[in-house]
Each structure stands twice: as C-alpha cells, then as structure tokens.
C-alpha cells in the first residue's frame, strides 16, 4: 500500500490529541495552580471518595500509561507507520481516546461529577473498540506489541476500574445517606460484575495487559477498604478475589493466544 494525505492527517491528529491530553492532564491535575485531583468535586474523586476507590498509590499507573502513549505517538509518526493497516484502522480511535482522557481531567475541574461519568464512560467505550480492532490483526513485532497493543491494553484495563470508581463516587454523592448501610452488598455486587467483564475481556482479547491494569486497581481498592476509609472488609476481600480471578483469566487468555493453530 502507498501512503496518502489522509495517513499524514491521521498521524498529525494523533500528535495533536496527545498534546491536548498532556495539557489537559497538567491543567486538570493542578500543575498550574489550584486543587489536586483528589481535592476536586469536594473530595469525591479521592481514595476515600467511595467504597470502590483504589488507594492513592494505584494512580501511579497513570505515569506508565502517559509515558507509553507518548512513546506510541512518536512511533506512529514515523514514515514506516504511515501506511500501516493497523494504524489506519485504529489510529483515529487512539486519537479520540487521548482527547477524552484529557477532557476528563478538565471536566473534573470545571464541571460536575455527572459530566465526569459521561466522559469516562465514553473513554471506556472507545478503548474497548480499540482492543477489538487490535485483535483482528497480529502485531508485526515486539516493538509494536509493546507500544501499541500493550499500552492500549493497560489504558483499557485501568479505565475499566476507574469507570467503576468514578461512577461509585458520583452515586455516593447523590444517593440518600441511608443507602450507605447497604454499601457492602452493593460493592460486592459491582465487583462481581467487574469480575465477569474482566474475565470475558481476557478470554476474548487474549491479552494480559488489560487484566494486569484492572487487577492492579482492584488490589489497591482492597488495600483502601482494608486499611483506610471508608473501611469495608467484605468489599476488600472480594476485590482481592476478583483481582486474582481476572489475572488468572488474563494468563489463560494469553496462553490460548500463543497456542499453535492446527
């Protein structure tokens, strides 16, 4: 195939989206002054904002994801990737995910919790589409597997648990206070759903990265509930079990992907 003007536009769009994402992260995260993300929305987005929020150290994964997305942006801009079939199919979706990523932080700072839930749900849907499209063709080498499939898998896996935490934070702020007495039951129910989605995703995509990122978030959610506030031993234990189940599913899916086709 020969590269076209549309390919150059796609590469340029991905670069512009990455710049927007990083600026949005800086502005939304308070790099230019103002509250940190944990202090926004009256603390609803902090590690203590809901029963399903991961503990603070979990969010260090964003540094890995941002670094990976930056490396992908540079790599996809190389002439050799201009007419790549996979880039043509997925590049526009990656640009959309970066825009939504940066938009979430801006939304968290300047709008409300409902808006953050809408944006992160849209981000999750776009990332799910990316994972499906990437599954249609194999990566051409270890570099592409890492910078493209691996980074997008981590992004998808983390945003899966982040969407749950964000929605839980919104519901915690809006639902009647007497429902807090049923927090354990609701939390366990949601985690069961996460287990089903995470395991299904691992079996269908046959990738380990999404399972690693989701399990990472769940382990830190468990730590938050077992050693921090709000405290909930049932939710903490369930989160650990779900994290282990999703990780096992990810390993099984990866082994199935590497099984020779007869």
C-alpha atoms as a PDB file:
ATOM      1  CA  UNK A   1       0.000   0.000   0.000  1.00  0.00           C
ATOM      2  CA  UNK A   2       1.041   3.590  -0.590  1.00  0.00           C
ATOM      3  CA  UNK A   3       0.654   6.358   1.954  1.00  0.00           C
ATOM      4  CA  UNK A   4      -1.860   9.106   1.272  1.00  0.00           C
ATOM      5  CA  UNK A   5      -2.630  12.578   2.535  1.00  0.00           C
ATOM      6  CA  UNK A   6      -5.198  11.011   4.862  1.00  0.00           C
ATOM      7  CA  UNK A   7      -2.431   8.986   6.504  1.00  0.00           C
ATOM      8  CA  UNK A   8      -0.452  12.140   7.211  1.00  0.00           C
ATOM      9  CA  UNK A   9      -3.569  13.795   8.615  1.00  0.00           C
ATOM     10  CA  UNK A  10      -4.125  10.767  10.864  1.00  0.00           C
ATOM     11  CA  UNK A  11      -0.573  10.878  12.199  1.00  0.00           C
ATOM     12  CA  UNK A  12      -0.839  14.622  12.787  1.00  0.00           C
ATOM     13  CA  UNK A  13      -4.188  14.188  14.529  1.00  0.00           C
ATOM     14  CA  UNK A  14      -2.720  11.629  16.920  1.00  0.00           C
ATOM     15  CA  UNK A  15       0.104  14.057  17.763  1.00  0.00           C
ATOM     16  CA  UNK A  16      -2.357  16.914  18.351  1.00  0.00           C
ATOM     17  CA  UNK A  17      -4.537  14.658  20.514  1.00  0.00           C
ATOM     18  CA  UNK A  18      -1.527  13.629  22.591  1.00  0.00           C
ATOM     19  CA  UNK A  19      -0.582  17.269  23.152  1.00  0.00           C
ATOM     20  CA  UNK A  20      -4.163  18.059  24.204  1.00  0.00           C
ATOM     21  CA  UNK A  21      -4.148  15.079  26.578  1.00  0.00           C
ATOM     22  CA  UNK A  22      -0.942  16.176  28.273  1.00  0.00           C
ATOM     23  CA  UNK A  23      -2.105  19.786  28.561  1.00  0.00           C
ATOM     24  CA  UNK A  24      -5.451  18.614  29.921  1.00  0.00           C
ATOM     25  CA  UNK A  25      -3.652  16.395  32.442  1.00  0.00           C
ATOM     26  CA  UNK A  26      -1.487  19.312  33.552  1.00  0.00           C
ATOM     27  CA  UNK A  27      -4.398  21.747  33.860  1.00  0.00           C
ATOM     28  CA  UNK A  28      -6.810  19.257  35.410  1.00  0.00           C
ATOM     29  CA  UNK A  29      -4.182  17.909  37.766  1.00  0.00           C
ATOM     30  CA  UNK A  30      -3.407  21.353  39.167  1.00  0.00           C
ATOM     31  CA  UNK A  31       0.080  21.774  37.688  1.00  0.00           C
ATOM     32  CA  UNK A  32      -0.687  25.461  37.061  1.00  0.00           C
ATOM     33  CA  UNK A  33      -2.248  26.023  40.456  1.00  0.00           C
ATOM     34  CA  UNK A  34      -5.455  25.024  42.146  1.00  0.00           C
ATOM     35  CA  UNK A  35      -6.647  21.849  43.814  1.00  0.00           C
ATOM     36  CA  UNK A  36      -5.259  18.418  43.087  1.00  0.00           C
ATOM     37  CA  UNK A  37      -7.483  15.778  41.502  1.00  0.00           C
ATOM     38  CA  UNK A  38      -8.096  14.207  44.910  1.00  0.00           C
ATOM     39  CA  UNK A  39      -9.468  17.533  46.193  1.00  0.00           C
ATOM     40  CA  UNK A  40     -11.797  18.193  43.261  1.00  0.00           C
ATOM     41  CA  UNK A  41     -15.563  17.717  43.494  1.00  0.00           C
ATOM     42  CA  UNK A  42     -15.460  18.001  47.296  1.00  0.00           C
ATOM     43  CA  UNK A  43     -13.054  15.071  47.507  1.00  0.00           C
ATOM     44  CA  UNK A  44     -15.382  12.678  45.685  1.00  0.00           C
ATOM     45  CA  UNK A  45     -12.579  11.578  43.354  1.00  0.00           C
ATOM     46  CA  UNK A  46     -10.083  10.857  46.130  1.00  0.00           C
ATOM     47  CA  UNK A  47      -9.076   7.475  47.502  1.00  0.00           C
ATOM     48  CA  UNK A  48     -11.672   7.981  50.248  1.00  0.00           C
ATOM     49  CA  UNK A  49     -14.411   9.156  47.904  1.00  0.00           C
ATOM     50  CA  UNK A  50     -16.262   5.858  47.682  1.00  0.00           C
ATOM     51  CA  UNK A  51     -16.155   2.217  48.710  1.00  0.00           C
ATOM     52  CA  UNK A  52     -14.729   1.233  45.311  1.00  0.00           C
ATOM     53  CA  UNK A  53     -11.982   3.857  45.035  1.00  0.00           C
ATOM     54  CA  UNK A  54      -8.426   2.489  44.803  1.00  0.00           C
ATOM     55  CA  UNK A  55      -5.909   3.693  47.378  1.00  0.00           C
ATOM     56  CA  UNK A  56      -3.671   6.597  46.371  1.00  0.00           C
ATOM     57  CA  UNK A  57      -0.589   4.662  45.137  1.00  0.00           C
ATOM     58  CA  UNK A  58      -2.734   2.917  42.498  1.00  0.00           C
ATOM     59  CA  UNK A  59      -2.863   6.104  40.444  1.00  0.00           C
ATOM     60  CA  UNK A  60       0.865   5.886  39.763  1.00  0.00           C
ATOM     61  CA  UNK A  61      -0.124   3.696  36.820  1.00  0.00           C
ATOM     62  CA  UNK A  62      -1.119   6.881  35.007  1.00  0.00           C
ATOM     63  CA  UNK A  63       2.579   7.760  34.710  1.00  0.00           C
ATOM     64  CA  UNK A  64       3.204   4.462  32.912  1.00  0.00           C
ATOM     65  CA  UNK A  65       0.194   4.956  30.647  1.00  0.00           C
ATOM     66  CA  UNK A  66       1.097   8.548  29.758  1.00  0.00           C
ATOM     67  CA  UNK A  67       4.701   7.570  29.064  1.00  0.00           C
ATOM     68  CA  UNK A  68       3.515   4.703  26.884  1.00  0.00           C
ATOM     69  CA  UNK A  69       1.083   6.904  24.973  1.00  0.00           C
ATOM     70  CA  UNK A  70       3.804   9.490  24.398  1.00  0.00           C
ATOM     71  CA  UNK A  71       6.145   6.788  23.068  1.00  0.00           C
ATOM     72  CA  UNK A  72       3.360   5.435  20.844  1.00  0.00           C
ATOM     73  CA  UNK A  73       2.705   8.921  19.482  1.00  0.00           C
ATOM     74  CA  UNK A  74       6.322   9.287  18.406  1.00  0.00           C
ATOM     75  CA  UNK A  75       6.469   5.773  16.964  1.00  0.00           C
ATOM     76  CA  UNK A  76       3.250   6.045  14.960  1.00  0.00           C
ATOM     77  CA  UNK A  77       4.515   9.297  13.409  1.00  0.00           C
ATOM     78  CA  UNK A  78       7.445   7.511  11.753  1.00  0.00           C
ATOM     79  CA  UNK A  79       7.259   7.158   7.957  1.00  0.00           C
ATOM     80  CA  UNK A  80       7.226   3.370   8.281  1.00  0.00           C
ATOM     81  CA  UNK A  81       3.879   3.505  10.132  1.00  0.00           C
ATOM     82  CA  UNK A  82       2.212   5.869   7.697  1.00  0.00           C
ATOM     83  CA  UNK A  83       0.540   3.207   5.557  1.00  0.00           C
ATOM     84  CA  UNK A  84       0.225   0.552   8.284  1.00  0.00           C
ATOM     85  CA  UNK A  85      -3.059  -1.337   8.059  1.00  0.00           C
ATOM     86  CA  UNK A  86      -3.389  -1.421  11.843  1.00  0.00           C
ATOM     87  CA  UNK A  87      -2.659   2.295  12.188  1.00  0.00           C
ATOM     88  CA  UNK A  88      -5.231   3.101   9.554  1.00  0.00           C
ATOM     89  CA  UNK A  89      -7.845   1.037  11.379  1.00  0.00           C
ATOM     90  CA  UNK A  90      -7.059   2.135  14.931  1.00  0.00           C
ATOM     91  CA  UNK A  91      -5.138   5.423  14.839  1.00  0.00           C
ATOM     92  CA  UNK A  92      -8.226   7.634  14.707  1.00  0.00           C
ATOM     93  CA  UNK A  93      -9.724   5.783  17.680  1.00  0.00           C
ATOM     94  CA  UNK A  94      -6.496   6.233  19.663  1.00  0.00           C
ATOM     95  CA  UNK A  95      -6.638   9.974  18.962  1.00  0.00           C
ATOM     96  CA  UNK A  96     -10.229  10.032  20.248  1.00  0.00           C
ATOM     97  CA  UNK A  97      -9.197   8.190  23.430  1.00  0.00           C
ATOM     98  CA  UNK A  98      -6.447  10.735  24.093  1.00  0.00           C
ATOM     99  CA  UNK A  99      -8.864  13.631  23.665  1.00  0.00           C
ATOM    100  CA  UNK A 100     -11.349  12.026  26.069  1.00  0.00           C
ATOM    101  CA  UNK A 101      -8.534  11.287  28.516  1.00  0.00           C
ATOM    102  CA  UNK A 102      -7.520  14.945  28.680  1.00  0.00           C
ATOM    103  CA  UNK A 103     -11.136  16.077  28.642  1.00  0.00           C
ATOM    104  CA  UNK A 104     -11.953  14.033  31.739  1.00  0.00           C
ATOM    105  CA  UNK A 105      -9.459  15.954  33.852  1.00  0.00           C
ATOM    106  CA  UNK A 106     -10.706  19.292  32.562  1.00  0.00           C
ATOM    107  CA  UNK A 107     -14.289  18.166  33.212  1.00  0.00           C
ATOM    108  CA  UNK A 108     -13.424  17.081  36.752  1.00  0.00           C
ATOM    109  CA  UNK A 109     -12.002  20.529  37.478  1.00  0.00           C
ATOM    110  CA  UNK A 110     -14.577  22.774  35.835  1.00  0.00           C
ATOM    111  CA  UNK A 111     -17.860  20.815  35.584  1.00  0.00           C
ATOM    112  CA  UNK A 112     -19.544  18.201  37.779  1.00  0.00           C
ATOM    113  CA  UNK A 113     -19.489  14.506  38.644  1.00  0.00           C
ATOM    114  CA  UNK A 114     -22.220  13.609  36.141  1.00  0.00           C
ATOM    115  CA  UNK A 115     -20.079  15.054  33.356  1.00  0.00           C
ATOM    116  CA  UNK A 116     -17.046  13.070  34.517  1.00  0.00           C
ATOM    117  CA  UNK A 117     -19.058   9.839  34.447  1.00  0.00           C
ATOM    118  CA  UNK A 118     -20.245  10.559  30.893  1.00  0.00           C
ATOM    119  CA  UNK A 119     -16.724  11.333  29.668  1.00  0.00           C
ATOM    120  CA  UNK A 120     -15.071   8.320  31.293  1.00  0.00           C
ATOM    121  CA  UNK A 121     -17.824   6.009  30.038  1.00  0.00           C
ATOM    122  CA  UNK A 122     -17.209   7.324  26.515  1.00  0.00           C
ATOM    123  CA  UNK A 123     -13.468   6.800  27.013  1.00  0.00           C
ATOM    124  CA  UNK A 124     -14.057   3.198  28.112  1.00  0.00           C
ATOM    125  CA  UNK A 125     -16.228   2.537  25.047  1.00  0.00           C
ATOM    126  CA  UNK A 126     -13.568   3.941  22.707  1.00  0.00           C
ATOM    127  CA  UNK A 127     -10.818   1.897  24.360  1.00  0.00           C
ATOM    128  CA  UNK A 128     -12.947  -1.247  24.100  1.00  0.00           C
ATOM    129  CA  UNK A 129     -13.319  -0.554  20.378  1.00  0.00           C
ATOM    130  CA  UNK A 130      -9.534  -0.176  20.086  1.00  0.00           C
ATOM    131  CA  UNK A 131      -8.924  -3.522  21.788  1.00  0.00           C
ATOM    132  CA  UNK A 132     -11.397  -5.246  19.474  1.00  0.00           C
ATOM    133  CA  UNK A 133      -9.787  -3.749  16.367  1.00  0.00           C
ATOM    134  CA  UNK A 134      -6.282  -4.640  17.517  1.00  0.00           C
ATOM    135  CA  UNK A 135      -7.402  -8.226  17.988  1.00  0.00           C
ATOM    136  CA  UNK A 136      -8.187  -8.586  14.292  1.00  0.00           C
ATOM    137  CA  UNK A 137      -4.525  -8.479  13.226  1.00  0.00           C
ATOM    138  CA  UNK A 138      -1.364  -9.577  14.979  1.00  0.00           C
ATOM    139  CA  UNK A 139       1.381  -7.115  15.792  1.00  0.00           C
ATOM    140  CA  UNK A 140       4.301  -7.227  13.381  1.00  0.00           C
ATOM    141  CA  UNK A 141       6.930  -7.346  16.110  1.00  0.00           C
ATOM    142  CA  UNK A 142       7.736  -6.888  19.798  1.00  0.00           C
ATOM    143  CA  UNK A 143       8.004  -3.097  19.486  1.00  0.00           C
ATOM    144  CA  UNK A 144       4.522  -2.782  18.021  1.00  0.00           C
ATOM    145  CA  UNK A 145       3.203  -5.316  20.513  1.00  0.00           C
ATOM    146  CA  UNK A 146       4.528  -3.180  23.365  1.00  0.00           C
ATOM    147  CA  UNK A 147       3.840   0.370  22.181  1.00  0.00           C
ATOM    148  CA  UNK A 148       0.518  -0.351  20.520  1.00  0.00           C
ATOM    149  CA  UNK A 149      -1.194  -3.424  21.956  1.00  0.00           C
ATOM    150  CA  UNK A 150       0.429  -3.273  25.388  1.00  0.00           C
ATOM    151  CA  UNK A 151      -0.111   0.426  26.053  1.00  0.00           C
ATOM    152  CA  UNK A 152      -3.695   0.373  24.810  1.00  0.00           C
ATOM    153  CA  UNK A 153      -4.354  -2.728  26.899  1.00  0.00           C
ATOM    154  CA  UNK A 154      -3.090  -1.032  30.058  1.00  0.00           C
ATOM    155  CA  UNK A 155      -5.168   2.052  29.285  1.00  0.00           C
ATOM    156  CA  UNK A 156      -8.292  -0.046  28.757  1.00  0.00           C
ATOM    157  CA  UNK A 157      -7.755  -2.191  31.847  1.00  0.00           C
ATOM    158  CA  UNK A 158      -7.162   0.774  34.143  1.00  0.00           C
ATOM    159  CA  UNK A 159     -10.057   2.839  32.779  1.00  0.00           C
ATOM    160  CA  UNK A 160     -12.317  -0.172  33.400  1.00  0.00           C
ATOM    161  CA  UNK A 161     -11.785   0.055  37.151  1.00  0.00           C
ATOM    162  CA  UNK A 162     -11.563   3.866  37.029  1.00  0.00           C
ATOM    163  CA  UNK A 163     -15.038   3.988  35.479  1.00  0.00           C
ATOM    164  CA  UNK A 164     -16.392   1.878  38.323  1.00  0.00           C
ATOM    165  CA  UNK A 165     -14.733   4.126  40.914  1.00  0.00           C
ATOM    166  CA  UNK A 166     -15.903   7.305  39.183  1.00  0.00           C
ATOM    167  CA  UNK A 167     -19.499   6.080  38.989  1.00  0.00           C
ATOM    168  CA  UNK A 168     -19.382   4.964  42.616  1.00  0.00           C
ATOM    169  CA  UNK A 169     -18.110   8.413  43.633  1.00  0.00           C
ATOM    170  CA  UNK A 170     -20.999  10.085  41.812  1.00  0.00           C
ATOM    171  CA  UNK A 171     -23.581   7.750  43.379  1.00  0.00           C
ATOM    172  CA  UNK A 172     -22.041   8.247  46.826  1.00  0.00           C
ATOM    173  CA  UNK A 173     -22.553  11.992  46.481  1.00  0.00           C
ATOM    174  CA  UNK A 174     -26.099  11.822  45.120  1.00  0.00           C
ATOM    175  CA  UNK A 175     -27.923   8.836  46.624  1.00  0.00           C
ATOM    176  CA  UNK A 176     -29.683   9.049  50.017  1.00  0.00           C
ATOM    177  CA  UNK A 177     -27.420   8.592  53.009  1.00  0.00           C
ATOM    178  CA  UNK A 178     -29.363   5.635  54.388  1.00  0.00           C
ATOM    179  CA  UNK A 179     -28.197   3.533  51.434  1.00  0.00           C
ATOM    180  CA  UNK A 180     -24.720   3.610  52.985  1.00  0.00           C
ATOM    181  CA  UNK A 181     -25.918   0.826  55.252  1.00  0.00           C
ATOM    182  CA  UNK A 182     -26.114  -1.392  52.159  1.00  0.00           C
ATOM    183  CA  UNK A 183     -22.709  -0.330  50.811  1.00  0.00           C
ATOM    184  CA  UNK A 184     -21.145  -3.768  51.328  1.00  0.00           C
ATOM    185  CA  UNK A 185     -23.856  -5.531  49.349  1.00  0.00           C
ATOM    186  CA  UNK A 186     -23.778  -3.008  46.514  1.00  0.00           C
ATOM    187  CA  UNK A 187     -19.985  -3.009  46.416  1.00  0.00           C
ATOM    188  CA  UNK A 188     -19.746  -6.793  46.254  1.00  0.00           C
ATOM    189  CA  UNK A 189     -22.416  -6.881  43.538  1.00  0.00           C
ATOM    190  CA  UNK A 190     -20.498  -4.383  41.403  1.00  0.00           C
ATOM    191  CA  UNK A 191     -17.255  -6.302  41.891  1.00  0.00           C
ATOM    192  CA  UNK A 192     -18.925  -9.498  40.697  1.00  0.00           C
ATOM    193  CA  UNK A 193     -19.928  -7.666  37.525  1.00  0.00           C
ATOM    194  CA  UNK A 194     -16.348  -6.404  37.155  1.00  0.00           C
ATOM    195  CA  UNK A 195     -15.118  -9.992  37.513  1.00  0.00           C
ATOM    196  CA  UNK A 196     -17.397 -11.196  34.725  1.00  0.00           C
ATOM    197  CA  UNK A 197     -16.446  -8.320  32.415  1.00  0.00           C
ATOM    198  CA  UNK A 198     -12.731  -8.620  33.182  1.00  0.00           C
ATOM    199  CA  UNK A 199     -12.642 -12.382  32.660  1.00  0.00           C
ATOM    200  CA  UNK A 200     -14.685 -12.176  29.463  1.00  0.00           C
ATOM    201  CA  UNK A 201     -12.394  -9.448  28.163  1.00  0.00           C
ATOM    202  CA  UNK A 202      -9.318 -11.566  28.904  1.00  0.00           C
ATOM    203  CA  UNK A 203     -10.723 -14.621  27.147  1.00  0.00           C
ATOM    204  CA  UNK A 204     -11.944 -12.679  24.117  1.00  0.00           C
ATOM    205  CA  UNK A 205      -8.948 -10.361  23.604  1.00  0.00           C
ATOM    206  CA  UNK A 206      -6.365 -12.943  24.736  1.00  0.00           C
ATOM    207  CA  UNK A 207      -4.218 -10.159  26.147  1.00  0.00           C
ATOM    208  CA  UNK A 208      -2.595  -9.862  29.546  1.00  0.00           C
ATOM    209  CA  UNK A 209      -2.165  -6.078  29.779  1.00  0.00           C
ATOM    210  CA  UNK A 210      -5.854  -5.233  30.433  1.00  0.00           C
ATOM    211  CA  UNK A 211      -6.040  -7.878  33.164  1.00  0.00           C
ATOM    212  CA  UNK A 212      -2.854  -6.561  34.778  1.00  0.00           C
ATOM    213  CA  UNK A 213      -4.137  -2.990  34.917  1.00  0.00           C
ATOM    214  CA  UNK A 214      -7.606  -3.944  36.202  1.00  0.00           C
ATOM    215  CA  UNK A 215      -6.139  -6.276  38.824  1.00  0.00           C
ATOM    216  CA  UNK A 216      -3.729  -3.536  39.900  1.00  0.00           C
ATOM    217  CA  UNK A 217      -6.653  -1.210  40.559  1.00  0.00           C
ATOM    218  CA  UNK A 218      -8.633  -3.876  42.392  1.00  0.00           C
ATOM    219  CA  UNK A 219      -5.743  -4.769  44.683  1.00  0.00           C
ATOM    220  CA  UNK A 220      -5.350  -1.131  45.672  1.00  0.00           C
ATOM    221  CA  UNK A 221      -9.109  -0.832  46.135  1.00  0.00           C
ATOM    222  CA  UNK A 222      -8.842  -3.766  48.531  1.00  0.00           C
ATOM    223  CA  UNK A 223      -5.979  -2.105  50.383  1.00  0.00           C
ATOM    224  CA  UNK A 224      -8.041   1.058  50.674  1.00  0.00           C
ATOM    225  CA  UNK A 225     -11.007  -0.766  52.159  1.00  0.00           C
ATOM    226  CA  UNK A 226      -8.983  -2.975  54.498  1.00  0.00           C
ATOM    227  CA  UNK A 227      -6.654  -0.306  55.861  1.00  0.00           C
ATOM    228  CA  UNK A 228      -8.244   3.048  55.072  1.00  0.00           C
ATOM    229  CA  UNK A 229     -11.530   4.895  54.926  1.00  0.00           C
ATOM    230  CA  UNK A 230     -14.246   4.100  54.165  1.00  0.00           C
ATOM    231  CA  UNK A 231     -13.467   0.719  55.675  1.00  0.00           C
ATOM    232  CA  UNK A 232     -15.156  -2.460  54.453  1.00  0.00           C
ATOM    233  CA  UNK A 233     -13.654  -5.897  54.994  1.00  0.00           C
ATOM    234  CA  UNK A 234     -16.222  -7.683  52.756  1.00  0.00           C
ATOM    235  CA  UNK A 235     -15.529  -5.369  49.814  1.00  0.00           C
ATOM    236  CA  UNK A 236     -11.775  -5.535  50.390  1.00  0.00           C
ATOM    237  CA  UNK A 237     -11.685  -9.331  50.429  1.00  0.00           C
ATOM    238  CA  UNK A 238     -13.977  -9.546  47.395  1.00  0.00           C
ATOM    239  CA  UNK A 239     -11.773  -7.109  45.486  1.00  0.00           C
ATOM    240  CA  UNK A 240      -8.733  -9.326  46.124  1.00  0.00           C
ATOM    241  CA  UNK A 241     -10.583 -12.426  44.935  1.00  0.00           C
ATOM    242  CA  UNK A 242     -11.789 -10.639  41.797  1.00  0.00           C
ATOM    243  CA  UNK A 243      -8.290  -9.308  41.092  1.00  0.00           C
ATOM    244  CA  UNK A 244      -6.877 -12.840  41.298  1.00  0.00           C
ATOM    245  CA  UNK A 245      -9.649 -14.249  39.085  1.00  0.00           C
ATOM    246  CA  UNK A 246      -9.118 -11.605  36.386  1.00  0.00           C
ATOM    247  CA  UNK A 247      -5.353 -12.093  36.478  1.00  0.00           C
ATOM    248  CA  UNK A 248      -5.750 -15.849  36.050  1.00  0.00           C
ATOM    249  CA  UNK A 249      -8.158 -15.250  33.175  1.00  0.00           C
ATOM    250  CA  UNK A 250      -5.592 -12.947  31.573  1.00  0.00           C
ATOM    251  CA  UNK A 251      -2.871 -15.594  31.809  1.00  0.00           C
ATOM    252  CA  UNK A 252      -5.174 -18.271  30.394  1.00  0.00           C
ATOM    253  CA  UNK A 253      -6.188 -15.961  27.550  1.00  0.00           C
ATOM    254  CA  UNK A 254      -2.536 -15.233  26.758  1.00  0.00           C
ATOM    255  CA  UNK A 255      -1.680 -18.936  26.716  1.00  0.00           C
ATOM    256  CA  UNK A 256      -4.589 -19.610  24.376  1.00  0.00           C
ATOM    257  CA  UNK A 257      -3.328 -16.890  22.046  1.00  0.00           C
ATOM    258  CA  UNK A 258       0.107 -18.488  21.898  1.00  0.00           C
ATOM    259  CA  UNK A 259      -1.244 -21.980  21.269  1.00  0.00           C
ATOM    260  CA  UNK A 260      -0.275 -23.155  17.769  1.00  0.00           C
ATOM    261  CA  UNK A 261      -3.144 -23.343  15.321  1.00  0.00           C
ATOM    262  CA  UNK A 262      -3.656 -26.877  13.983  1.00  0.00           C
END
